[in-house]
Amino acid sequence: MRFAYWSRELAGWGLIAIGLWQFWNTYVLLTNRRIFEAGPAAFIAFVVFRGGLHLLKVAVAAQAARSLADSAVPHTRKASRMATRSVAPTSVKSVIPGPKSRAVANGAAD
């Protein structure tokens, strides 16, 4: 499995080198006033360069994930429950007395 990491790393650096070389070719085309040929060359260079960067990011992420799996120790702890409030309807006695609930406020409950 270690080979997969290094192969991604080497392929990423290779694609970056090819992308930079293609950018150089684009620069040479532009200095020779070959504008129409330089457009597709710049696009190809951009795609290849970004592909190399992506492979490098994937290789580093794979290495980090591999080292995390070695050092990860499962911590078990007792699950505690939080105190919960009731979601039931409000009791009649806790309602603020108003015009319609004077009987309840005076103690005459249903």
PDB file of N, CA and C in Angstrom:
ATOM      1  N   MET A   1       0.822  -1.191   0.000  1.00  0.00           N
ATOM      2  CA  MET A   1       0.000   0.000   0.000  1.00  0.00           C
ATOM      3  C   MET A   1       0.868   1.257   0.000  1.00  0.00           C
ATOM      4  N   ARG A   2       2.070   1.132   0.502  1.00  0.00           N
ATOM      5  CA  ARG A   2       2.975   2.273   0.545  1.00  0.00           C
ATOM      6  C   ARG A   2       3.343   2.711  -0.874  1.00  0.00           C
ATOM      7  N   PHE A   3       3.372   1.758  -1.805  1.00  0.00           N
ATOM      8  CA  PHE A   3       3.710   2.081  -3.184  1.00  0.00           C
ATOM      9  C   PHE A   3       2.674   3.006  -3.815  1.00  0.00           C
ATOM     10  N   ALA A   4       1.411   2.845  -3.425  1.00  0.00           N
ATOM     11  CA  ALA A   4       0.350   3.683  -3.997  1.00  0.00           C
ATOM     12  C   ALA A   4       0.573   5.147  -3.635  1.00  0.00           C
ATOM     13  N   TYR A   5       1.036   5.394  -2.398  1.00  0.00           N
ATOM     14  CA  TYR A   5       1.307   6.772  -1.995  1.00  0.00           C
ATOM     15  C   TYR A   5       2.439   7.367  -2.831  1.00  0.00           C
ATOM     16  N   TRP A   6       3.527   6.642  -2.950  1.00  0.00           N
ATOM     17  CA  TRP A   6       4.672   7.182  -3.700  1.00  0.00           C
ATOM     18  C   TRP A   6       4.379   7.294  -5.190  1.00  0.00           C
ATOM     19  N   SER A   7       3.574   6.388  -5.715  1.00  0.00           N
ATOM     20  CA  SER A   7       3.248   6.489  -7.142  1.00  0.00           C
ATOM     21  C   SER A   7       2.401   7.738  -7.410  1.00  0.00           C
ATOM     22  N   ARG A   8       1.473   8.057  -6.492  1.00  0.00           N
ATOM     23  CA  ARG A   8       0.697   9.295  -6.647  1.00  0.00           C
ATOM     24  C   ARG A   8       1.599  10.518  -6.530  1.00  0.00           C
ATOM     25  N   GLU A   9       2.517  10.460  -5.578  1.00  0.00           N
ATOM     26  CA  GLU A   9       3.428  11.587  -5.375  1.00  0.00           C
ATOM     27  C   GLU A   9       4.299  11.818  -6.623  1.00  0.00           C
ATOM     28  N   LEU A  10       4.878  10.746  -7.142  1.00  0.00           N
ATOM     29  CA  LEU A  10       5.734  10.883  -8.329  1.00  0.00           C
ATOM     30  C   LEU A  10       4.934  11.304  -9.562  1.00  0.00           C
ATOM     31  N   ALA A  11       3.742  10.747  -9.720  1.00  0.00           N
ATOM     32  CA  ALA A  11       2.905  11.137 -10.855  1.00  0.00           C
ATOM     33  C   ALA A  11       2.498  12.597 -10.751  1.00  0.00           C
ATOM     34  N   GLY A  12       2.217  13.060  -9.541  1.00  0.00           N
ATOM     35  CA  GLY A  12       1.857  14.466  -9.343  1.00  0.00           C
ATOM     36  C   GLY A  12       3.002  15.395  -9.710  1.00  0.00           C
ATOM     37  N   TRP A  13       4.202  15.081  -9.226  1.00  0.00           N
ATOM     38  CA  TRP A  13       5.363  15.927  -9.569  1.00  0.00           C
ATOM     39  C   TRP A  13       5.663  15.864 -11.064  1.00  0.00           C
ATOM     40  N   GLY A  14       5.469  14.681 -11.676  1.00  0.00           N
ATOM     41  CA  GLY A  14       5.682  14.571 -13.116  1.00  0.00           C
ATOM     42  C   GLY A  14       4.695  15.421 -13.904  1.00  0.00           C
ATOM     43  N   LEU A  15       3.426  15.404 -13.501  1.00  0.00           N
ATOM     44  CA  LEU A  15       2.434  16.218 -14.197  1.00  0.00           C
ATOM     45  C   LEU A  15       2.688  17.712 -13.993  1.00  0.00           C
ATOM     46  N   ILE A  16       3.164  18.097 -12.817  1.00  0.00           N
ATOM     47  CA  ILE A  16       3.506  19.503 -12.601  1.00  0.00           C
ATOM     48  C   ILE A  16       4.651  19.911 -13.521  1.00  0.00           C
ATOM     49  N   ALA A  17       5.657  19.034 -13.647  1.00  0.00           N
ATOM     50  CA  ALA A  17       6.790  19.344 -14.535  1.00  0.00           C
ATOM     51  C   ALA A  17       6.334  19.449 -15.991  1.00  0.00           C
ATOM     52  N   ILE A  18       5.469  18.532 -16.411  1.00  0.00           N
ATOM     53  CA  ILE A  18       4.965  18.585 -17.791  1.00  0.00           C
ATOM     54  C   ILE A  18       4.132  19.843 -18.009  1.00  0.00           C
ATOM     55  N   GLY A  19       3.311  20.207 -17.021  1.00  0.00           N
ATOM     56  CA  GLY A  19       2.511  21.423 -17.127  1.00  0.00           C
ATOM     57  C   GLY A  19       3.369  22.665 -17.219  1.00  0.00           C
ATOM     58  N   LEU A  20       4.429  22.732 -16.402  1.00  0.00           N
ATOM     59  CA  LEU A  20       5.337  23.884 -16.481  1.00  0.00           C
ATOM     60  C   LEU A  20       6.058  23.932 -17.818  1.00  0.00           C
ATOM     61  N   TRP A  21       6.468  22.767 -18.334  1.00  0.00           N
ATOM     62  CA  TRP A  21       7.121  22.724 -19.643  1.00  0.00           C
ATOM     63  C   TRP A  21       6.155  23.214 -20.734  1.00  0.00           C
ATOM     64  N   GLN A  22       4.883  22.823 -20.613  1.00  0.00           N
ATOM     65  CA  GLN A  22       3.894  23.272 -21.589  1.00  0.00           C
ATOM     66  C   GLN A  22       3.634  24.773 -21.470  1.00  0.00           C
ATOM     67  N   PHE A  23       3.658  25.308 -20.241  1.00  0.00           N
ATOM     68  CA  PHE A  23       3.561  26.759 -20.084  1.00  0.00           C
ATOM     69  C   PHE A  23       4.739  27.455 -20.755  1.00  0.00           C
ATOM     70  N   TRP A  24       5.929  26.868 -20.653  1.00  0.00           N
ATOM     71  CA  TRP A  24       7.097  27.446 -21.324  1.00  0.00           C
ATOM     72  C   TRP A  24       6.892  27.428 -22.846  1.00  0.00           C
ATOM     73  N   ASN A  25       6.368  26.325 -23.364  1.00  0.00           N
ATOM     74  CA  ASN A  25       6.085  26.255 -24.804  1.00  0.00           C
ATOM     75  C   ASN A  25       5.051  27.306 -25.208  1.00  0.00           C
ATOM     76  N   THR A  26       4.072  27.548 -24.348  1.00  0.00           N
ATOM     77  CA  THR A  26       3.082  28.591 -24.619  1.00  0.00           C
ATOM     78  C   THR A  26       3.749  29.956 -24.678  1.00  0.00           C
ATOM     79  N   TYR A  27       4.667  30.210 -23.759  1.00  0.00           N
ATOM     80  CA  TYR A  27       5.408  31.472 -23.760  1.00  0.00           C
ATOM     81  C   TYR A  27       6.223  31.630 -25.047  1.00  0.00           C
ATOM     82  N   VAL A  28       6.850  30.552 -25.474  1.00  0.00           N
ATOM     83  CA  VAL A  28       7.631  30.609 -26.721  1.00  0.00           C
ATOM     84  C   VAL A  28       6.706  30.891 -27.905  1.00  0.00           C
ATOM     85  N   LEU A  29       5.557  30.261 -27.937  1.00  0.00           N
ATOM     86  CA  LEU A  29       4.605  30.522 -29.024  1.00  0.00           C
ATOM     87  C   LEU A  29       4.147  31.985 -29.011  1.00  0.00           C
ATOM     88  N   LEU A  30       3.916  32.533 -27.822  1.00  0.00           N
ATOM     89  CA  LEU A  30       3.475  33.928 -27.743  1.00  0.00           C
ATOM     90  C   LEU A  30       4.578  34.897 -28.153  1.00  0.00           C
ATOM     91  N   THR A  31       5.825  34.593 -27.817  1.00  0.00           N
ATOM     92  CA  THR A  31       6.923  35.489 -28.228  1.00  0.00           C
ATOM     93  C   THR A  31       7.139  35.431 -29.732  1.00  0.00           C
ATOM     94  N   ASN A  32       6.770  34.339 -30.368  1.00  0.00           N
ATOM     95  CA  ASN A  32       6.871  34.221 -31.837  1.00  0.00           C
ATOM     96  C   ASN A  32       5.595  34.694 -32.524  1.00  0.00           C
ATOM     97  N   ARG A  33       4.693  35.339 -31.771  1.00  0.00           N
ATOM     98  CA  ARG A  33       3.438  35.890 -32.290  1.00  0.00           C
ATOM     99  C   ARG A  33       2.532  34.832 -32.923  1.00  0.00           C
ATOM    100  N   ARG A  34       2.484  33.684 -32.310  1.00  0.00           N
ATOM    101  CA  ARG A  34       1.592  32.611 -32.763  1.00  0.00           C
ATOM    102  C   ARG A  34       0.465  32.476 -31.736  1.00  0.00           C
ATOM    103  N   ILE A  35      -0.424  33.448 -31.772  1.00  0.00           N
ATOM    104  CA  ILE A  35      -1.433  33.603 -30.730  1.00  0.00           C
ATOM    105  C   ILE A  35      -2.464  32.475 -30.766  1.00  0.00           C
ATOM    106  N   PHE A  36      -2.904  32.078 -31.944  1.00  0.00           N
ATOM    107  CA  PHE A  36      -3.946  31.055 -32.042  1.00  0.00           C
ATOM    108  C   PHE A  36      -3.450  29.686 -31.594  1.00  0.00           C
ATOM    109  N   GLU A  37      -2.180  29.406 -31.801  1.00  0.00           N
ATOM    110  CA  GLU A  37      -1.627  28.137 -31.333  1.00  0.00           C
ATOM    111  C   GLU A  37      -1.376  28.169 -29.827  1.00  0.00           C
ATOM    112  N   ALA A  38      -1.162  29.354 -29.267  1.00  0.00           N
ATOM    113  CA  ALA A  38      -0.847  29.470 -27.845  1.00  0.00           C
ATOM    114  C   ALA A  38      -2.082  29.251 -26.964  1.00  0.00           C
ATOM    115  N   GLY A  39      -3.265  29.557 -27.459  1.00  0.00           N
ATOM    116  CA  GLY A  39      -4.485  29.396 -26.663  1.00  0.00           C
ATOM    117  C   GLY A  39      -4.723  27.957 -26.229  1.00  0.00           C
ATOM    118  N   PRO A  40      -4.805  27.006 -27.160  1.00  0.00           N
ATOM    119  CA  PRO A  40      -4.990  25.611 -26.741  1.00  0.00           C
ATOM    120  C   PRO A  40      -3.813  25.077 -25.922  1.00  0.00           C
ATOM    121  N   ALA A  41      -2.611  25.540 -26.227  1.00  0.00           N
ATOM    122  CA  ALA A  41      -1.448  25.085 -25.454  1.00  0.00           C
ATOM    123  C   ALA A  41      -1.540  25.559 -24.008  1.00  0.00           C
ATOM    124  N   ALA A  42      -2.016  26.787 -23.799  1.00  0.00           N
ATOM    125  CA  ALA A  42      -2.165  27.295 -22.442  1.00  0.00           C
ATOM    126  C   ALA A  42      -3.253  26.526 -21.693  1.00  0.00           C
ATOM    127  N   PHE A  43      -4.332  26.197 -22.374  1.00  0.00           N
ATOM    128  CA  PHE A  43      -5.400  25.424 -21.744  1.00  0.00           C
ATOM    129  C   PHE A  43      -4.904  24.041 -21.342  1.00  0.00           C
ATOM    130  N   ILE A  44      -4.175  23.377 -22.225  1.00  0.00           N
ATOM    131  CA  ILE A  44      -3.631  22.053 -21.922  1.00  0.00           C
ATOM    132  C   ILE A  44      -2.670  22.137 -20.741  1.00  0.00           C
ATOM    133  N   ALA A  45      -1.815  23.165 -20.744  1.00  0.00           N
ATOM    134  CA  ALA A  45      -0.861  23.331 -19.651  1.00  0.00           C
ATOM    135  C   ALA A  45      -1.590  23.529 -18.330  1.00  0.00           C
ATOM    136  N   PHE A  46      -2.641  24.316 -18.355  1.00  0.00           N
ATOM    137  CA  PHE A  46      -3.418  24.572 -17.135  1.00  0.00           C
ATOM    138  C   PHE A  46      -4.039  23.286 -16.606  1.00  0.00           C
ATOM    139  N   VAL A  47      -4.646  22.490 -17.469  1.00  0.00           N
ATOM    140  CA  VAL A  47      -5.309  21.254 -17.036  1.00  0.00           C
ATOM    141  C   VAL A  47      -4.291  20.261 -16.497  1.00  0.00           C
ATOM    142  N   VAL A  48      -3.162  20.112 -17.173  1.00  0.00           N
ATOM    143  CA  VAL A  48      -2.145  19.155 -16.725  1.00  0.00           C
ATOM    144  C   VAL A  48      -1.536  19.608 -15.398  1.00  0.00           C
ATOM    145  N   PHE A  49      -1.266  20.896 -15.260  1.00  0.00           N
ATOM    146  CA  PHE A  49      -0.691  21.424 -14.028  1.00  0.00           C
ATOM    147  C   PHE A  49      -1.649  21.229 -12.852  1.00  0.00           C
ATOM    148  N   ARG A  50      -2.932  21.538 -13.055  1.00  0.00           N
ATOM    149  CA  ARG A  50      -3.921  21.359 -11.992  1.00  0.00           C
ATOM    150  C   ARG A  50      -4.100  19.884 -11.637  1.00  0.00           C
ATOM    151  N   GLY A  51      -3.986  19.008 -12.622  1.00  0.00           N
ATOM    152  CA  GLY A  51      -4.051  17.569 -12.334  1.00  0.00           C
ATOM    153  C   GLY A  51      -2.901  17.125 -11.446  1.00  0.00           C
ATOM    154  N   GLY A  52      -1.718  17.664 -11.699  1.00  0.00           N
ATOM    155  CA  GLY A  52      -0.566  17.346 -10.855  1.00  0.00           C
ATOM    156  C   GLY A  52      -0.754  17.838  -9.438  1.00  0.00           C
ATOM    157  N   LEU A  53      -1.279  19.048  -9.287  1.00  0.00           N
ATOM    158  CA  LEU A  53      -1.539  19.568  -7.948  1.00  0.00           C
ATOM    159  C   LEU A  53      -2.558  18.699  -7.211  1.00  0.00           C
ATOM    160  N   HIS A  54      -3.565  18.260  -7.932  1.00  0.00           N
ATOM    161  CA  HIS A  54      -4.583  17.416  -7.307  1.00  0.00           C
ATOM    162  C   HIS A  54      -3.984  16.084  -6.850  1.00  0.00           C
ATOM    163  N   LEU A  55      -3.145  15.485  -7.666  1.00  0.00           N
ATOM    164  CA  LEU A  55      -2.528  14.220  -7.268  1.00  0.00           C
ATOM    165  C   LEU A  55      -1.646  14.401  -6.041  1.00  0.00           C
ATOM    166  N   LEU A  56      -0.947  15.519  -5.954  1.00  0.00           N
ATOM    167  CA  LEU A  56      -0.131  15.773  -4.763  1.00  0.00           C
ATOM    168  C   LEU A  56      -1.003  15.921  -3.523  1.00  0.00           C
ATOM    169  N   LYS A  57      -2.128  16.617  -3.647  1.00  0.00           N
ATOM    170  CA  LYS A  57      -3.030  16.764  -2.507  1.00  0.00           C
ATOM    171  C   LYS A  57      -3.595  15.414  -2.070  1.00  0.00           C
ATOM    172  N   VAL A  58      -3.940  14.576  -3.020  1.00  0.00           N
ATOM    173  CA  VAL A  58      -4.478  13.254  -2.693  1.00  0.00           C
ATOM    174  C   VAL A  58      -3.421  12.403  -2.011  1.00  0.00           C
ATOM    175  N   ALA A  59      -2.184  12.484  -2.480  1.00  0.00           N
ATOM    176  CA  ALA A  59      -1.108  11.700  -1.873  1.00  0.00           C
ATOM    177  C   ALA A  59      -0.858  12.135  -0.434  1.00  0.00           C
ATOM    178  N   VAL A  60      -0.852  13.428  -0.188  1.00  0.00           N
ATOM    179  CA  VAL A  60      -0.638  13.914   1.178  1.00  0.00           C
ATOM    180  C   VAL A  60      -1.809  13.534   2.072  1.00  0.00           C
ATOM    181  N   ALA A  61      -3.035  13.621   1.554  1.00  0.00           N
ATOM    182  CA  ALA A  61      -4.202  13.232   2.345  1.00  0.00           C
ATOM    183  C   ALA A  61      -4.176  11.742   2.660  1.00  0.00           C
ATOM    184  N   ALA A  62      -3.737  10.917   1.718  1.00  0.00           N
ATOM    185  CA  ALA A  62      -3.653   9.479   1.960  1.00  0.00           C
ATOM    186  C   ALA A  62      -2.612   9.170   3.027  1.00  0.00           C
ATOM    187  N   GLN A  63      -1.508   9.874   2.996  1.00  0.00           N
ATOM    188  CA  GLN A  63      -0.480   9.663   4.010  1.00  0.00           C
ATOM    189  C   GLN A  63      -0.979  10.097   5.391  1.00  0.00           C
ATOM    190  N   ALA A  64      -1.670  11.221   5.447  1.00  0.00           N
ATOM    191  CA  ALA A  64      -2.207  11.696   6.725  1.00  0.00           C
ATOM    192  C   ALA A  64      -3.262  10.742   7.261  1.00  0.00           C
ATOM    193  N   ALA A  65      -4.112  10.221   6.395  1.00  0.00           N
ATOM    194  CA  ALA A  65      -5.149   9.292   6.838  1.00  0.00           C
ATOM    195  C   ALA A  65      -4.526   7.988   7.326  1.00  0.00           C
ATOM    196  N   ARG A  66      -3.459   7.546   6.672  1.00  0.00           N
ATOM    197  CA  ARG A  66      -2.799   6.320   7.087  1.00  0.00           C
ATOM    198  C   ARG A  66      -2.154   6.467   8.454  1.00  0.00           C
ATOM    199  N   SER A  67      -1.526   7.613   8.694  1.00  0.00           N
ATOM    200  CA  SER A  67      -0.887   7.816   9.990  1.00  0.00           C
ATOM    201  C   SER A  67      -1.932   8.037  11.084  1.00  0.00           C
ATOM    202  N   LEU A  68      -3.075   8.576  10.732  1.00  0.00           N
ATOM    203  CA  LEU A  68      -4.140   8.773  11.712  1.00  0.00           C
ATOM    204  C   LEU A  68      -4.722   7.442  12.144  1.00  0.00           C
ATOM    205  N   ALA A  69      -4.873   6.506  11.231  1.00  0.00           N
ATOM    206  CA  ALA A  69      -5.444   5.200  11.559  1.00  0.00           C
ATOM    207  C   ALA A  69      -4.529   4.437  12.508  1.00  0.00           C
ATOM    208  N   ASP A  70      -3.215   4.623  12.419  1.00  0.00           N
ATOM    209  CA  ASP A  70      -2.293   3.926  13.308  1.00  0.00           C
ATOM    210  C   ASP A  70      -2.365   4.464  14.726  1.00  0.00           C
ATOM    211  N   SER A  71      -2.544   5.756  14.871  1.00  0.00           N
ATOM    212  CA  SER A  71      -2.510   6.359  16.199  1.00  0.00           C
ATOM    213  C   SER A  71      -3.884   6.481  16.832  1.00  0.00           C
ATOM    214  N   ALA A  72      -4.932   6.184  16.097  1.00  0.00           N
ATOM    215  CA  ALA A  72      -6.280   6.340  16.642  1.00  0.00           C
ATOM    216  C   ALA A  72      -6.608   5.178  17.574  1.00  0.00           C
ATOM    217  N   VAL A  73      -6.913   5.519  18.817  1.00  0.00           N
ATOM    218  CA  VAL A  73      -7.320   4.524  19.793  1.00  0.00           C
ATOM    219  C   VAL A  73      -8.761   4.844  20.161  1.00  0.00           C
ATOM    220  N   PRO A  74      -9.631   3.878  20.028  1.00  0.00           N
ATOM    221  CA  PRO A  74     -11.026   4.182  20.335  1.00  0.00           C
ATOM    222  C   PRO A  74     -11.200   4.459  21.828  1.00  0.00           C
ATOM    223  N   HIS A  75     -11.763   5.591  22.136  1.00  0.00           N
ATOM    224  CA  HIS A  75     -12.044   5.954  23.513  1.00  0.00           C
ATOM    225  C   HIS A  75     -13.500   5.644  23.795  1.00  0.00           C
ATOM    226  N   THR A  76     -13.720   4.785  24.769  1.00  0.00           N
ATOM    227  CA  THR A  76     -15.097   4.462  25.137  1.00  0.00           C
ATOM    228  C   THR A  76     -15.427   5.185  26.430  1.00  0.00           C
ATOM    229  N   ARG A  77     -16.567   5.769  26.456  1.00  0.00           N
ATOM    230  CA  ARG A  77     -17.028   6.414  27.671  1.00  0.00           C
ATOM    231  C   ARG A  77     -18.520   6.199  27.788  1.00  0.00           C
ATOM    232  N   LYS A  78     -18.980   6.319  29.005  1.00  0.00           N
ATOM    233  CA  LYS A  78     -20.388   6.105  29.258  1.00  0.00           C
ATOM    234  C   LYS A  78     -21.193   7.260  28.669  1.00  0.00           C
ATOM    235  N   ALA A  79     -22.188   6.917  27.938  1.00  0.00           N
ATOM    236  CA  ALA A  79     -23.034   7.944  27.341  1.00  0.00           C
ATOM    237  C   ALA A  79     -23.921   8.543  28.416  1.00  0.00           C
ATOM    238  N   SER A  80     -23.849   9.835  28.567  1.00  0.00           N
ATOM    239  CA  SER A  80     -24.693  10.497  29.559  1.00  0.00           C
ATOM    240  C   SER A  80     -25.853  11.168  28.847  1.00  0.00           C
ATOM    241  N   ARG A  81     -26.944  11.231  29.538  1.00  0.00           N
ATOM    242  CA  ARG A  81     -28.124  11.862  28.956  1.00  0.00           C
ATOM    243  C   ARG A  81     -28.282  13.246  29.542  1.00  0.00           C
ATOM    244  N   MET A  82     -28.591  14.179  28.688  1.00  0.00           N
ATOM    245  CA  MET A  82     -28.839  15.541  29.145  1.00  0.00           C
ATOM    246  C   MET A  82     -30.234  15.623  29.756  1.00  0.00           C
ATOM    247  N   ALA A  83     -30.380  16.540  30.720  1.00  0.00           N
ATOM    248  CA  ALA A  83     -31.701  16.769  31.292  1.00  0.00           C
ATOM    249  C   ALA A  83     -32.589  17.390  30.226  1.00  0.00           C
ATOM    250  N   THR A  84     -33.774  16.866  30.114  1.00  0.00           N
ATOM    251  CA  THR A  84     -34.670  17.353  29.067  1.00  0.00           C
ATOM    252  C   THR A  84     -35.860  18.057  29.689  1.00  0.00           C
ATOM    253  N   ARG A  85     -36.376  19.021  28.981  1.00  0.00           N
ATOM    254  CA  ARG A  85     -37.597  19.700  29.397  1.00  0.00           C
ATOM    255  C   ARG A  85     -38.787  18.994  28.782  1.00  0.00           C
ATOM    256  N   SER A  86     -39.868  19.076  29.462  1.00  0.00           N
ATOM    257  CA  SER A  86     -41.082  18.467  28.953  1.00  0.00           C
ATOM    258  C   SER A  86     -41.597  19.284  27.763  1.00  0.00           C
ATOM    259  N   VAL A  87     -42.103  18.590  26.783  1.00  0.00           N
ATOM    260  CA  VAL A  87     -42.675  19.263  25.630  1.00  0.00           C
ATOM    261  C   VAL A  87     -44.200  19.185  25.659  1.00  0.00           C
ATOM    262  N   ALA A  88     -44.735  18.779  26.819  1.00  0.00           N
ATOM    263  CA  ALA A  88     -46.185  18.675  26.963  1.00  0.00           C
ATOM    264  C   ALA A  88     -46.802  20.065  26.988  1.00  0.00           C
ATOM    265  N   PRO A  89     -48.103  20.154  26.810  1.00  0.00           N
ATOM    266  CA  PRO A  89     -48.758  21.458  26.871  1.00  0.00           C
ATOM    267  C   PRO A  89     -48.559  22.106  28.240  1.00  0.00           C
ATOM    268  N   THR A  90     -48.583  23.415  28.279  1.00  0.00           N
ATOM    269  CA  THR A  90     -48.385  24.165  29.508  1.00  0.00           C
ATOM    270  C   THR A  90     -49.527  23.880  30.476  1.00  0.00           C
ATOM    271  N   SER A  91     -49.171  23.657  31.739  1.00  0.00           N
ATOM    272  CA  SER A  91     -50.215  23.372  32.724  1.00  0.00           C
ATOM    273  C   SER A  91     -51.059  24.626  32.959  1.00  0.00           C
ATOM    274  N   VAL A  92     -52.269  24.419  33.402  1.00  0.00           N
ATOM    275  CA  VAL A  92     -53.219  25.512  33.580  1.00  0.00           C
ATOM    276  C   VAL A  92     -52.741  26.457  34.677  1.00  0.00           C
ATOM    277  N   LYS A  93     -52.115  25.959  35.727  1.00  0.00           N
ATOM    278  CA  LYS A  93     -51.715  26.783  36.858  1.00  0.00           C
ATOM    279  C   LYS A  93     -50.562  27.725  36.516  1.00  0.00           C
ATOM    280  N   SER A  94     -49.777  27.413  35.501  1.00  0.00           N
ATOM    281  CA  SER A  94     -48.635  28.267  35.182  1.00  0.00           C
ATOM    282  C   SER A  94     -48.964  29.347  34.160  1.00  0.00           C
ATOM    283  N   VAL A  95     -50.205  29.392  33.696  1.00  0.00           N
ATOM    284  CA  VAL A  95     -50.618  30.403  32.738  1.00  0.00           C
ATOM    285  C   VAL A  95     -50.879  31.708  33.479  1.00  0.00           C
ATOM    286  N   ILE A  96     -50.425  32.813  32.940  1.00  0.00           N
ATOM    287  CA  ILE A  96     -50.649  34.116  33.557  1.00  0.00           C
ATOM    288  C   ILE A  96     -52.134  34.430  33.493  1.00  0.00           C
ATOM    289  N   PRO A  97     -52.718  34.862  34.616  1.00  0.00           N
ATOM    290  CA  PRO A  97     -54.154  35.137  34.608  1.00  0.00           C
ATOM    291  C   PRO A  97     -54.504  36.272  33.665  1.00  0.00           C
ATOM    292  N   GLY A  98     -55.561  36.097  32.949  1.00  0.00           N
ATOM    293  CA  GLY A  98     -56.051  37.101  32.031  1.00  0.00           C
ATOM    294  C   GLY A  98     -57.558  37.127  32.093  1.00  0.00           C
ATOM    295  N   PRO A  99     -58.163  37.815  31.199  1.00  0.00           N
ATOM    296  CA  PRO A  99     -59.616  37.927  31.244  1.00  0.00           C
ATOM    297  C   PRO A  99     -60.326  36.581  31.157  1.00  0.00           C
ATOM    298  N   LYS A 100     -59.810  35.620  30.412  1.00  0.00           N
ATOM    299  CA  LYS A 100     -60.505  34.369  30.239  1.00  0.00           C
ATOM    300  C   LYS A 100     -60.099  33.319  31.277  1.00  0.00           C
ATOM    301  N   SER A 101     -59.035  33.556  32.046  1.00  0.00           N
ATOM    302  CA  SER A 101     -58.585  32.531  32.969  1.00  0.00           C
ATOM    303  C   SER A 101     -58.644  32.982  34.424  1.00  0.00           C
ATOM    304  N   ARG A 102     -59.558  33.900  34.790  1.00  0.00           N
ATOM    305  CA  ARG A 102     -59.702  34.358  36.186  1.00  0.00           C
ATOM    306  C   ARG A 102     -60.204  33.205  37.062  1.00  0.00           C
ATOM    307  N   ALA A 103     -61.028  32.356  36.549  1.00  0.00           N
ATOM    308  CA  ALA A 103     -61.538  31.250  37.357  1.00  0.00           C
ATOM    309  C   ALA A 103     -60.405  30.314  37.726  1.00  0.00           C
ATOM    310  N   VAL A 104     -59.482  30.094  36.849  1.00  0.00           N
ATOM    311  CA  VAL A 104     -58.358  29.229  37.139  1.00  0.00           C
ATOM    312  C   VAL A 104     -57.446  29.903  38.145  1.00  0.00           C
ATOM    313  N   ALA A 105     -57.242  31.204  38.036  1.00  0.00           N
ATOM    314  CA  ALA A 105     -56.384  31.931  38.964  1.00  0.00           C
ATOM    315  C   ALA A 105     -56.978  31.940  40.363  1.00  0.00           C
ATOM    316  N   ASN A 106     -58.288  31.907  40.486  1.00  0.00           N
ATOM    317  CA  ASN A 106     -58.947  31.914  41.797  1.00  0.00           C
ATOM    318  C   ASN A 106     -59.022  30.505  42.408  1.00  0.00           C
ATOM    319  N   GLY A 107     -58.603  29.511  41.657  1.00  0.00           N
ATOM    320  CA  GLY A 107     -58.572  28.165  42.217  1.00  0.00           C
ATOM    321  C   GLY A 107     -59.664  27.259  41.730  1.00  0.00           C
ATOM    322  N   ALA A 108     -60.520  27.711  40.874  1.00  0.00           N
ATOM    323  CA  ALA A 108     -61.609  26.876  40.362  1.00  0.00           C
ATOM    324  C   ALA A 108     -61.135  26.227  39.067  1.00  0.00           C
ATOM    325  N   ALA A 109     -60.459  25.111  39.196  1.00  0.00           N
ATOM    326  CA  ALA A 109     -59.945  24.414  38.019  1.00  0.00           C
ATOM    327  C   ALA A 109     -61.011  23.501  37.449  1.00  0.00           C
ATOM    328  N   ASP A 110     -60.852  23.116  36.207  1.00  0.00           N
ATOM    329  CA  ASP A 110     -61.811  22.223  35.542  1.00  0.00           C
ATOM    330  C   ASP A 110     -61.799  20.853  36.115  1.00  0.00           C
TER     331      ASP A 110
END
